[in-house]
C-alpha atoms as a PDB file:
ATOM      1  CA  MET A   1      33.731 -26.619  -5.748  1.00  0.00           C
ATOM      2  CA  ARG A   2      31.191 -24.714  -3.759  1.00  0.00           C
ATOM      3  CA  GLN A   3      28.351 -22.614  -6.173  1.00  0.00           C
ATOM      4  CA  ILE A   4      27.403 -19.424  -4.255  1.00  0.00           C
ATOM      5  CA  GLN A   5      23.885 -18.775  -5.193  1.00  0.00           C
ATOM      6  CA  ALA A   6      22.978 -15.365  -5.639  1.00  0.00           C
ATOM      7  CA  GLN A   7      19.511 -14.149  -3.843  1.00  0.00           C
ATOM      8  CA  THR A   8      17.112 -12.446  -6.203  1.00  0.00           C
ATOM      9  CA  MET A   9      14.680 -10.102  -4.840  1.00  0.00           C
ATOM     10  CA  HIS A  10      11.260 -10.844  -5.671  1.00  0.00           C
ATOM     11  CA  SER A  11       9.019  -8.508  -7.324  1.00  0.00           C
ATOM     12  CA  PRO A  12       5.213  -8.102  -6.584  1.00  0.00           C
ATOM     13  CA  THR A  13       3.164  -8.175  -9.771  1.00  0.00           C
ATOM     14  CA  LEU A  14       0.999  -5.453 -10.687  1.00  0.00           C
ATOM     15  CA  ASP A  15      -2.154  -7.277  -9.699  1.00  0.00           C
ATOM     16  CA  THR A  16      -1.157  -7.723  -6.344  1.00  0.00           C
ATOM     17  CA  VAL A  17       0.293  -4.118  -5.896  1.00  0.00           C
ATOM     18  CA  LEU A  18      -3.575  -3.067  -7.058  1.00  0.00           C
ATOM     19  CA  MET A  19      -5.306  -5.572  -4.701  1.00  0.00           C
ATOM     20  CA  VAL A  20      -3.386  -4.197  -1.683  1.00  0.00           C
ATOM     21  CA  GLU A  21      -4.163  -0.422  -2.648  1.00  0.00           C
ATOM     22  CA  HIS A  22      -7.615  -1.529  -3.334  1.00  0.00           C
ATOM     23  CA  THR A  23      -7.855  -3.287   0.598  1.00  0.00           C
ATOM     24  CA  LEU A  24      -6.424  -0.492   2.207  1.00  0.00           C
ATOM     25  CA  GLN A  25      -8.836   2.358   0.329  1.00  0.00           C
ATOM     26  CA  ASP A  26     -11.553   0.046   1.049  1.00  0.00           C
ATOM     27  CA  ALA A  27     -10.165  -0.073   5.404  1.00  0.00           C
ATOM     28  CA  LYS A  28     -11.498   3.482   5.140  1.00  0.00           C
ATOM     29  CA  GLY A  29      -8.877   4.264   8.155  1.00  0.00           C
ATOM     30  CA  VAL A  30      -5.671   3.065   9.996  1.00  0.00           C
ATOM     31  CA  ILE A  31      -5.404  -0.418   9.829  1.00  0.00           C
ATOM     32  CA  LYS A  32      -2.930  -3.038  11.353  1.00  0.00           C
ATOM     33  CA  ILE A  33      -0.452  -5.142   9.078  1.00  0.00           C
ATOM     34  CA  ALA A  34      -1.854  -8.158  10.616  1.00  0.00           C
ATOM     35  CA  VAL A  35      -5.521  -7.111   9.556  1.00  0.00           C
ATOM     36  CA  LEU A  36      -4.062  -6.170   5.987  1.00  0.00           C
ATOM     37  CA  LYS A  37      -3.432  -9.514   5.391  1.00  0.00           C
ATOM     38  CA  ARG A  38      -6.279 -11.057   6.582  1.00  0.00           C
ATOM     39  CA  ARG A  39      -8.409  -9.077   4.524  1.00  0.00           C
ATOM     40  CA  LEU A  40      -6.688  -9.349   1.394  1.00  0.00           C
ATOM     41  CA  PRO A  41      -8.255 -11.677  -1.368  1.00  0.00           C
ATOM     42  CA  ARG A  42      -5.250 -14.101  -1.496  1.00  0.00           C
ATOM     43  CA  LYS A  43      -2.222 -14.753   0.436  1.00  0.00           C
ATOM     44  CA  VAL A  44       0.733 -12.275   0.278  1.00  0.00           C
ATOM     45  CA  MET A  45       4.290 -13.386   1.284  1.00  0.00           C
ATOM     46  CA  HIS A  46       5.185 -10.891   4.409  1.00  0.00           C
ATOM     47  CA  GLN A  47       8.128 -10.124   2.734  1.00  0.00           C
ATOM     48  CA  THR A  48       6.312  -8.909  -0.884  1.00  0.00           C
ATOM     49  CA  LEU A  49       3.689  -7.454   1.250  1.00  0.00           C
ATOM     50  CA  MET A  50       6.583  -5.050   2.984  1.00  0.00           C
ATOM     51  CA  ARG A  51       7.701  -3.920   0.046  1.00  0.00           C
ATOM     52  CA  ILE A  52       4.328  -2.883  -1.389  1.00  0.00           C
ATOM     53  CA  LEU A  53       3.928  -1.145   1.686  1.00  0.00           C
ATOM     54  CA  ASP A  54       7.606   0.669   1.295  1.00  0.00           C
ATOM     55  CA  TYR A  55       6.611   1.589  -2.351  1.00  0.00           C
ATOM     56  CA  LEU A  56       3.175   2.881  -1.329  1.00  0.00           C
ATOM     57  CA  GLN A  57       4.861   4.728   1.155  1.00  0.00           C
ATOM     58  CA  GLU A  58       7.205   6.426  -1.358  1.00  0.00           C
ATOM     59  CA  SER A  59       4.624   7.264  -3.515  1.00  0.00           C
ATOM     60  CA  GLY A  60       2.727   9.184  -1.051  1.00  0.00           C
ATOM     61  CA  LYS A  61      -0.334   7.192  -0.915  1.00  0.00           C
ATOM     62  CA  ILE A  62      -0.188   5.712   2.498  1.00  0.00           C
ATOM     63  CA  LEU A  63       1.123   6.737   5.797  1.00  0.00           C
ATOM     64  CA  ILE A  64       2.984   3.696   8.107  1.00  0.00           C
ATOM     65  CA  THR A  65       2.547   5.082  11.776  1.00  0.00           C
ATOM     66  CA  THR A  66       3.074   2.891  14.935  1.00  0.00           C
ATOM     67  CA  LYS A  67      -1.130   2.334  14.939  1.00  0.00           C
ATOM     68  CA  GLY A  68      -0.964   0.541  11.399  1.00  0.00           C
ATOM     69  CA  VAL A  69      -1.170   1.693   7.910  1.00  0.00           C
ATOM     70  CA  VAL A  70      -3.949   4.559   6.412  1.00  0.00           C
ATOM     71  CA  TRP A  71      -4.623   5.304   3.247  1.00  0.00           C
ATOM     72  CA  THR A  72      -3.868   9.164   2.448  1.00  0.00           C
ATOM     73  CA  TYR A  73      -3.613   9.820  -1.569  1.00  0.00           C
ATOM     74  CA  THR A  74      -6.329  11.874  -3.151  1.00  0.00           C
ATOM     75  CA  PRO A  75      -6.680  11.328  -6.517  1.00  0.00           C
ATOM     76  CA  ARG A  76      -6.728  15.014  -8.723  1.00  0.00           C
ATOM     77  CA  ASP A  77     -10.265  15.242  -9.710  1.00  0.00           C
ATOM     78  CA  MET A  78     -11.429  15.058  -5.986  1.00  0.00           C
ATOM     79  CA  MET A  79      -9.099  17.334  -5.354  1.00  0.00           C
ATOM     80  CA  GLU A  80     -10.187  19.829  -7.543  1.00  0.00           C
ATOM     81  CA  ARG A  81     -13.834  19.432  -6.288  1.00  0.00           C
ATOM     82  CA  LEU A  82     -12.764  20.333  -2.902  1.00  0.00           C
ATOM     83  CA  LYS A  83     -11.292  23.310  -4.265  1.00  0.00           C
ATOM     84  CA  LYS A  84     -14.066  24.040  -6.180  1.00  0.00           C
ATOM     85  CA  ARG A  85     -16.238  24.145  -2.856  1.00  0.00           C
ATOM     86  CA  GLY A  86     -13.999  26.391  -1.458  1.00  0.00           C
ATOM     87  CA  LEU A  87     -11.388  24.351   0.635  1.00  0.00           C
ATOM     88  CA  GLU A  88      -7.989  26.086   0.640  1.00  0.00           C
ATOM     89  CA  LEU A  89      -5.084  24.201  -0.277  1.00  0.00           C
END
């Protein structure tokens, strides 16, 4: 009898997602995925990192372009301050 193993998809921990978020925020611009991997405080498997980046893009926090990844999220309190200073949205 031959057993078939079901592959389960690994889900990243919240700590790992937050670590990637903080590293992207600190980058202050476009960063290549290879550079992002080197800047992370601990190693993350490529597949796990890609899953995190997909999640962050779906949630509107980053953009993934041909040049790399860029943090785009602006917290609500910062948006309110920009509006008060006269920035039209």
